[in-house]
Amino acid sequence: MNLEKNNSRKLGKIVGFILMYFVFTTIFYFVLNYFEKLPENFNFFYMLNLTLSFVLIGSLLKITLK
Protein backbone atom coordinates (compact mmCIF):
# COMPACT_ATOMS: atom_id res chain seq x y z
CA MET A 1 0.00 0.00 0.00
CA ASN A 2 2.80 2.40 0.89
CA LEU A 3 4.56 1.59 -2.39
CA GLU A 4 1.53 2.76 -4.38
CA LYS A 5 1.51 6.09 -2.54
CA ASN A 6 5.20 6.67 -3.30
CA ASN A 7 4.72 5.85 -6.99
CA SER A 8 1.71 8.13 -7.31
CA ARG A 9 3.54 10.97 -5.55
CA LYS A 10 6.55 10.55 -7.84
CA LEU A 11 4.30 10.51 -10.91
CA GLY A 12 2.42 13.55 -9.58
CA LYS A 13 5.65 15.48 -9.15
CA ILE A 14 6.77 14.66 -12.69
CA VAL A 15 3.40 15.54 -14.25
CA GLY A 16 3.20 18.72 -12.18
CA PHE A 17 6.70 19.78 -13.18
CA ILE A 18 6.00 19.21 -16.89
CA LEU A 19 2.65 21.02 -16.71
CA MET A 20 4.13 24.02 -14.89
CA TYR A 21 7.08 24.07 -17.29
CA PHE A 22 4.71 24.49 -20.23
CA VAL A 23 2.62 27.09 -18.38
CA PHE A 24 5.72 29.12 -17.46
CA THR A 25 7.17 28.87 -20.96
CA THR A 26 3.89 29.93 -22.55
CA ILE A 27 3.44 32.93 -20.28
CA PHE A 28 7.10 33.91 -20.68
CA TYR A 29 6.81 33.68 -24.47
CA PHE A 30 3.66 35.81 -24.64
CA VAL A 31 5.07 38.46 -22.28
CA LEU A 32 8.26 38.79 -24.31
CA ASN A 33 6.27 38.76 -27.53
CA TYR A 34 3.89 41.45 -26.21
CA PHE A 35 6.76 43.77 -25.35
CA GLU A 36 8.40 42.97 -28.70
CA LYS A 37 11.62 41.69 -27.13
CA LEU A 38 11.87 38.63 -29.39
CA PRO A 39 13.33 38.51 -32.88
CA GLU A 40 10.82 38.06 -35.71
CA ASN A 41 11.88 34.51 -36.56
CA PHE A 42 11.78 33.36 -32.89
CA ASN A 43 8.90 30.97 -32.33
CA PHE A 44 7.52 29.03 -29.36
CA PHE A 45 9.70 25.96 -29.94
CA TYR A 46 12.85 28.05 -29.60
CA MET A 47 11.48 29.33 -26.30
CA LEU A 48 10.88 25.73 -25.15
CA ASN A 49 14.51 24.88 -25.90
CA LEU A 50 15.77 28.03 -24.20
CA THR A 51 13.84 27.46 -20.97
CA LEU A 52 14.72 23.75 -21.01
CA SER A 53 18.39 24.67 -21.17
CA PHE A 54 17.87 26.93 -18.11
CA VAL A 55 16.26 24.04 -16.24
CA LEU A 56 19.08 21.65 -17.17
CA ILE A 57 21.80 24.13 -16.17
CA GLY A 58 20.04 24.73 -12.86
CA SER A 59 19.72 21.00 -12.22
CA LEU A 60 23.40 20.43 -13.02
CA LEU A 61 24.40 23.25 -10.67
CA LYS A 62 22.24 21.76 -7.94
CA ILE A 63 23.87 18.35 -8.38
CA THR A 64 27.42 19.73 -8.46
CA LEU A 65 26.92 21.96 -5.41
CA LYS A 66 25.60 19.13 -3.21
PDB file of N, CA and C in Angstrom:
ATOM      1  N   MET A   1       0.818  -1.191   0.000  1.00  0.00           N
ATOM      2  CA  MET A   1       0.000   0.000   0.000  1.00  0.00           C
ATOM      3  C   MET A   1       0.867   1.263   0.000  1.00  0.00           C
ATOM      4  N   ASN A   2       1.911   1.251   0.822  1.00  0.00           N
ATOM      5  CA  ASN A   2       2.802   2.400   0.892  1.00  0.00           C
ATOM      6  C   ASN A   2       3.557   2.598  -0.415  1.00  0.00           C
ATOM      7  N   LEU A   3       3.860   1.514  -1.112  1.00  0.00           N
ATOM      8  CA  LEU A   3       4.560   1.593  -2.385  1.00  0.00           C
ATOM      9  C   LEU A   3       3.717   2.316  -3.428  1.00  0.00           C
ATOM     10  N   GLU A   4       2.419   2.083  -3.428  1.00  0.00           N
ATOM     11  CA  GLU A   4       1.530   2.757  -4.384  1.00  0.00           C
ATOM     12  C   GLU A   4       1.485   4.255  -4.118  1.00  0.00           C
ATOM     13  N   LYS A   5       1.521   4.666  -2.863  1.00  0.00           N
ATOM     14  CA  LYS A   5       1.514   6.094  -2.544  1.00  0.00           C
ATOM     15  C   LYS A   5       2.787   6.761  -3.043  1.00  0.00           C
ATOM     16  N   ASN A   6       3.926   6.101  -2.852  1.00  0.00           N
ATOM     17  CA  ASN A   6       5.198   6.674  -3.303  1.00  0.00           C
ATOM     18  C   ASN A   6       5.236   6.804  -4.821  1.00  0.00           C
ATOM     19  N   ASN A   7       4.736   5.793  -5.530  1.00  0.00           N
ATOM     20  CA  ASN A   7       4.725   5.854  -6.994  1.00  0.00           C
ATOM     21  C   ASN A   7       3.799   6.951  -7.491  1.00  0.00           C
ATOM     22  N   SER A   8       2.646   7.104  -6.859  1.00  0.00           N
ATOM     23  CA  SER A   8       1.710   8.132  -7.311  1.00  0.00           C
ATOM     24  C   SER A   8       2.248   9.524  -6.996  1.00  0.00           C
ATOM     25  N   ARG A   9       2.944   9.668  -5.865  1.00  0.00           N
ATOM     26  CA  ARG A   9       3.538  10.969  -5.554  1.00  0.00           C
ATOM     27  C   ARG A   9       4.655  11.317  -6.538  1.00  0.00           C
ATOM     28  N   LYS A  10       5.461  10.324  -6.886  1.00  0.00           N
ATOM     29  CA  LYS A  10       6.548  10.552  -7.838  1.00  0.00           C
ATOM     30  C   LYS A  10       5.974  10.927  -9.211  1.00  0.00           C
ATOM     31  N   LEU A  11       4.942  10.205  -9.628  1.00  0.00           N
ATOM     32  CA  LEU A  11       4.295  10.509 -10.909  1.00  0.00           C
ATOM     33  C   LEU A  11       3.646  11.895 -10.865  1.00  0.00           C
ATOM     34  N   GLY A  12       3.043  12.230  -9.736  1.00  0.00           N
ATOM     35  CA  GLY A  12       2.418  13.549  -9.583  1.00  0.00           C
ATOM     36  C   GLY A  12       3.429  14.667  -9.656  1.00  0.00           C
ATOM     37  N   LYS A  13       4.599  14.461  -9.072  1.00  0.00           N
ATOM     38  CA  LYS A  13       5.648  15.482  -9.149  1.00  0.00           C
ATOM     39  C   LYS A  13       6.129  15.670 -10.579  1.00  0.00           C
ATOM     40  N   ILE A  14       6.290  14.579 -11.303  1.00  0.00           N
ATOM     41  CA  ILE A  14       6.769  14.659 -12.688  1.00  0.00           C
ATOM     42  C   ILE A  14       5.728  15.347 -13.570  1.00  0.00           C
ATOM     43  N   VAL A  15       4.471  14.940 -13.443  1.00  0.00           N
ATOM     44  CA  VAL A  15       3.404  15.543 -14.249  1.00  0.00           C
ATOM     45  C   VAL A  15       3.244  17.018 -13.891  1.00  0.00           C
ATOM     46  N   GLY A  16       3.313  17.330 -12.608  1.00  0.00           N
ATOM     47  CA  GLY A  16       3.203  18.723 -12.179  1.00  0.00           C
ATOM     48  C   GLY A  16       4.343  19.576 -12.702  1.00  0.00           C
ATOM     49  N   PHE A  17       5.549  19.032 -12.676  1.00  0.00           N
ATOM     50  CA  PHE A  17       6.695  19.777 -13.182  1.00  0.00           C
ATOM     51  C   PHE A  17       6.544  20.056 -14.677  1.00  0.00           C
ATOM     52  N   ILE A  18       6.146  19.040 -15.435  1.00  0.00           N
ATOM     53  CA  ILE A  18       5.995  19.208 -16.887  1.00  0.00           C
ATOM     54  C   ILE A  18       4.881  20.204 -17.198  1.00  0.00           C
ATOM     55  N   LEU A  19       3.774  20.102 -16.484  1.00  0.00           N
ATOM     56  CA  LEU A  19       2.655  21.020 -16.715  1.00  0.00           C
ATOM     57  C   LEU A  19       3.061  22.455 -16.395  1.00  0.00           C
ATOM     58  N   MET A  20       3.716  22.674 -15.259  1.00  0.00           N
ATOM     59  CA  MET A  20       4.131  24.016 -14.888  1.00  0.00           C
ATOM     60  C   MET A  20       5.237  24.542 -15.799  1.00  0.00           C
ATOM     61  N   TYR A  21       6.062  23.651 -16.329  1.00  0.00           N
ATOM     62  CA  TYR A  21       7.081  24.067 -17.293  1.00  0.00           C
ATOM     63  C   TYR A  21       6.418  24.662 -18.541  1.00  0.00           C
ATOM     64  N   PHE A  22       5.398  23.977 -19.045  1.00  0.00           N
ATOM     65  CA  PHE A  22       4.705  24.486 -20.235  1.00  0.00           C
ATOM     66  C   PHE A  22       3.932  25.764 -19.935  1.00  0.00           C
ATOM     67  N   VAL A  23       3.340  25.868 -18.753  1.00  0.00           N
ATOM     68  CA  VAL A  23       2.620  27.090 -18.381  1.00  0.00           C
ATOM     69  C   VAL A  23       3.601  28.258 -18.279  1.00  0.00           C
ATOM     70  N   PHE A  24       4.726  28.059 -17.590  1.00  0.00           N
ATOM     71  CA  PHE A  24       5.718  29.121 -17.458  1.00  0.00           C
ATOM     72  C   PHE A  24       6.270  29.536 -18.808  1.00  0.00           C
ATOM     73  N   THR A  25       6.605  28.565 -19.652  1.00  0.00           N
ATOM     74  CA  THR A  25       7.172  28.875 -20.958  1.00  0.00           C
ATOM     75  C   THR A  25       6.174  29.638 -21.819  1.00  0.00           C
ATOM     76  N   THR A  26       4.916  29.245 -21.766  1.00  0.00           N
ATOM     77  CA  THR A  26       3.888  29.926 -22.554  1.00  0.00           C
ATOM     78  C   THR A  26       3.706  31.367 -22.095  1.00  0.00           C
ATOM     79  N   ILE A  27       3.605  31.571 -20.792  1.00  0.00           N
ATOM     80  CA  ILE A  27       3.440  32.933 -20.275  1.00  0.00           C
ATOM     81  C   ILE A  27       4.670  33.774 -20.588  1.00  0.00           C
ATOM     82  N   PHE A  28       5.851  33.205 -20.399  1.00  0.00           N
ATOM     83  CA  PHE A  28       7.095  33.914 -20.681  1.00  0.00           C
ATOM     84  C   PHE A  28       7.182  34.311 -22.153  1.00  0.00           C
ATOM     85  N   TYR A  29       6.789  33.401 -23.041  1.00  0.00           N
ATOM     86  CA  TYR A  29       6.812  33.682 -24.474  1.00  0.00           C
ATOM     87  C   TYR A  29       5.859  34.828 -24.822  1.00  0.00           C
ATOM     88  N   PHE A  30       4.639  34.773 -24.302  1.00  0.00           N
ATOM     89  CA  PHE A  30       3.664  35.806 -24.641  1.00  0.00           C
ATOM     90  C   PHE A  30       4.029  37.163 -24.043  1.00  0.00           C
ATOM     91  N   VAL A  31       4.631  37.187 -22.865  1.00  0.00           N
ATOM     92  CA  VAL A  31       5.066  38.456 -22.282  1.00  0.00           C
ATOM     93  C   VAL A  31       6.187  39.064 -23.123  1.00  0.00           C
ATOM     94  N   LEU A  32       7.177  38.260 -23.480  1.00  0.00           N
ATOM     95  CA  LEU A  32       8.261  38.788 -24.315  1.00  0.00           C
ATOM     96  C   LEU A  32       7.771  39.185 -25.704  1.00  0.00           C
ATOM     97  N   ASN A  33       6.828  38.442 -26.228  1.00  0.00           N
ATOM     98  CA  ASN A  33       6.267  38.762 -27.534  1.00  0.00           C
ATOM     99  C   ASN A  33       5.443  40.052 -27.468  1.00  0.00           C
ATOM    100  N   TYR A  34       4.708  40.249 -26.374  1.00  0.00           N
ATOM    101  CA  TYR A  34       3.888  41.449 -26.210  1.00  0.00           C
ATOM    102  C   TYR A  34       4.752  42.705 -26.158  1.00  0.00           C
ATOM    103  N   PHE A  35       5.863  42.631 -25.459  1.00  0.00           N
ATOM    104  CA  PHE A  35       6.762  43.774 -25.354  1.00  0.00           C
ATOM    105  C   PHE A  35       7.764  43.846 -26.497  1.00  0.00           C
ATOM    106  N   GLU A  36       7.590  42.986 -27.484  1.00  0.00           N
ATOM    107  CA  GLU A  36       8.399  42.968 -28.702  1.00  0.00           C
ATOM    108  C   GLU A  36       9.895  42.840 -28.394  1.00  0.00           C
ATOM    109  N   LYS A  37      10.230  41.927 -27.498  1.00  0.00           N
ATOM    110  CA  LYS A  37      11.622  41.687 -27.132  1.00  0.00           C
ATOM    111  C   LYS A  37      12.191  40.451 -27.822  1.00  0.00           C
ATOM    112  N   LEU A  38      11.413  39.811 -28.672  1.00  0.00           N
ATOM    113  CA  LEU A  38      11.867  38.626 -29.391  1.00  0.00           C
ATOM    114  C   LEU A  38      12.140  38.973 -30.848  1.00  0.00           C
ATOM    115  N   PRO A  39      13.130  38.324 -31.451  1.00  0.00           N
ATOM    116  CA  PRO A  39      13.332  38.510 -32.885  1.00  0.00           C
ATOM    117  C   PRO A  39      12.121  37.998 -33.677  1.00  0.00           C
ATOM    118  N   GLU A  40      11.974  38.449 -34.901  1.00  0.00           N
ATOM    119  CA  GLU A  40      10.819  38.058 -35.713  1.00  0.00           C
ATOM    120  C   GLU A  40      10.751  36.564 -35.985  1.00  0.00           C
ATOM    121  N   ASN A  41      11.879  35.930 -36.203  1.00  0.00           N
ATOM    122  CA  ASN A  41      11.885  34.511 -36.555  1.00  0.00           C
ATOM    123  C   ASN A  41      11.924  33.597 -35.331  1.00  0.00           C
ATOM    124  N   PHE A  42      11.741  34.126 -34.143  1.00  0.00           N
ATOM    125  CA  PHE A  42      11.785  33.364 -32.893  1.00  0.00           C
ATOM    126  C   PHE A  42      10.387  32.852 -32.587  1.00  0.00           C
ATOM    127  N   ASN A  43      10.215  31.514 -32.600  1.00  0.00           N
ATOM    128  CA  ASN A  43       8.896  30.965 -32.327  1.00  0.00           C
ATOM    129  C   ASN A  43       8.864  30.252 -30.979  1.00  0.00           C
ATOM    130  N   PHE A  44       7.735  29.644 -30.666  1.00  0.00           N
ATOM    131  CA  PHE A  44       7.522  29.029 -29.357  1.00  0.00           C
ATOM    132  C   PHE A  44       8.466  27.866 -29.104  1.00  0.00           C
ATOM    133  N   PHE A  45       8.818  27.118 -30.135  1.00  0.00           N
ATOM    134  CA  PHE A  45       9.697  25.964 -29.944  1.00  0.00           C
ATOM    135  C   PHE A  45      11.106  26.388 -29.558  1.00  0.00           C
ATOM    136  N   TYR A  46      11.563  27.527 -30.040  1.00  0.00           N
ATOM    137  CA  TYR A  46      12.849  28.053 -29.596  1.00  0.00           C
ATOM    138  C   TYR A  46      12.787  28.422 -28.114  1.00  0.00           C
ATOM    139  N   MET A  47      11.647  28.964 -27.703  1.00  0.00           N
ATOM    140  CA  MET A  47      11.478  29.329 -26.297  1.00  0.00           C
ATOM    141  C   MET A  47      11.474  28.074 -25.415  1.00  0.00           C
ATOM    142  N   LEU A  48      10.860  26.994 -25.901  1.00  0.00           N
ATOM    143  CA  LEU A  48      10.882  25.732 -25.154  1.00  0.00           C
ATOM    144  C   LEU A  48      12.314  25.250 -24.948  1.00  0.00           C
ATOM    145  N   ASN A  49      13.113  25.301 -25.997  1.00  0.00           N
ATOM    146  CA  ASN A  49      14.513  24.878 -25.898  1.00  0.00           C
ATOM    147  C   ASN A  49      15.318  25.794 -24.974  1.00  0.00           C
ATOM    148  N   LEU A  50      15.049  27.079 -25.037  1.00  0.00           N
ATOM    149  CA  LEU A  50      15.767  28.033 -24.198  1.00  0.00           C
ATOM    150  C   LEU A  50      15.456  27.797 -22.724  1.00  0.00           C
ATOM    151  N   THR A  51      14.190  27.673 -22.382  1.00  0.00           N
ATOM    152  CA  THR A  51      13.842  27.461 -20.974  1.00  0.00           C
ATOM    153  C   THR A  51      14.259  26.069 -20.501  1.00  0.00           C
ATOM    154  N   LEU A  52      14.240  25.087 -21.393  1.00  0.00           N
ATOM    155  CA  LEU A  52      14.716  23.752 -21.013  1.00  0.00           C
ATOM    156  C   LEU A  52      16.210  23.776 -20.707  1.00  0.00           C
ATOM    157  N   SER A  53      16.958  24.569 -21.450  1.00  0.00           N
ATOM    158  CA  SER A  53      18.388  24.674 -21.166  1.00  0.00           C
ATOM    159  C   SER A  53      18.610  25.339 -19.809  1.00  0.00           C
ATOM    160  N   PHE A  54      17.771  26.322 -19.427  1.00  0.00           N
ATOM    161  CA  PHE A  54      17.875  26.932 -18.106  1.00  0.00           C
ATOM    162  C   PHE A  54      17.603  25.909 -17.013  1.00  0.00           C
ATOM    163  N   VAL A  55      16.605  25.067 -17.225  1.00  0.00           N
ATOM    164  CA  VAL A  55      16.262  24.038 -16.238  1.00  0.00           C
ATOM    165  C   VAL A  55      17.408  23.044 -16.103  1.00  0.00           C
ATOM    166  N   LEU A  56      17.982  22.620 -17.213  1.00  0.00           N
ATOM    167  CA  LEU A  56      19.076  21.655 -17.168  1.00  0.00           C
ATOM    168  C   LEU A  56      20.323  22.238 -16.507  1.00  0.00           C
ATOM    169  N   ILE A  57      20.642  23.483 -16.810  1.00  0.00           N
ATOM    170  CA  ILE A  57      21.796  24.129 -16.174  1.00  0.00           C
ATOM    171  C   ILE A  57      21.563  24.255 -14.677  1.00  0.00           C
ATOM    172  N   GLY A  58      20.357  24.634 -14.274  1.00  0.00           N
ATOM    173  CA  GLY A  58      20.038  24.732 -12.855  1.00  0.00           C
ATOM    174  C   GLY A  58      20.119  23.396 -12.149  1.00  0.00           C
ATOM    175  N   SER A  59      19.654  22.346 -12.810  1.00  0.00           N
ATOM    176  CA  SER A  59      19.724  21.005 -12.220  1.00  0.00           C
ATOM    177  C   SER A  59      21.168  20.527 -12.090  1.00  0.00           C
ATOM    178  N   LEU A  60      21.986  20.796 -13.094  1.00  0.00           N
ATOM    179  CA  LEU A  60      23.405  20.426 -13.018  1.00  0.00           C
ATOM    180  C   LEU A  60      24.128  21.187 -11.912  1.00  0.00           C
ATOM    181  N   LEU A  61      23.801  22.469 -11.755  1.00  0.00           N
ATOM    182  CA  LEU A  61      24.400  23.246 -10.666  1.00  0.00           C
ATOM    183  C   LEU A  61      23.984  22.691  -9.310  1.00  0.00           C
ATOM    184  N   LYS A  62      22.724  22.318  -9.187  1.00  0.00           N
ATOM    185  CA  LYS A  62      22.237  21.757  -7.935  1.00  0.00           C
ATOM    186  C   LYS A  62      22.959  20.458  -7.595  1.00  0.00           C
ATOM    187  N   ILE A  63      23.174  19.620  -8.599  1.00  0.00           N
ATOM    188  CA  ILE A  63      23.869  18.354  -8.376  1.00  0.00           C
ATOM    189  C   ILE A  63      25.329  18.590  -8.013  1.00  0.00           C
ATOM    190  N   THR A  64      25.996  19.492  -8.717  1.00  0.00           N
ATOM    191  CA  THR A  64      27.422  19.727  -8.457  1.00  0.00           C
ATOM    192  C   THR A  64      27.667  20.428  -7.124  1.00  0.00           C
ATOM    193  N   LEU A  65      26.716  21.243  -6.649  1.00  0.00           N
ATOM    194  CA  LEU A  65      26.921  21.959  -5.405  1.00  0.00           C
ATOM    195  C   LEU A  65      26.531  21.151  -4.174  1.00  0.00           C
ATOM    196  N   LYS A  66      25.953  19.977  -4.359  1.00  0.00           N
ATOM    197  CA  LYS A  66      25.596  19.134  -3.209  1.00  0.00           C
ATOM    198  C   LYS A  66      26.769  18.624  -2.511  1.00  0.00           C
TER     199      LYS A  66
END
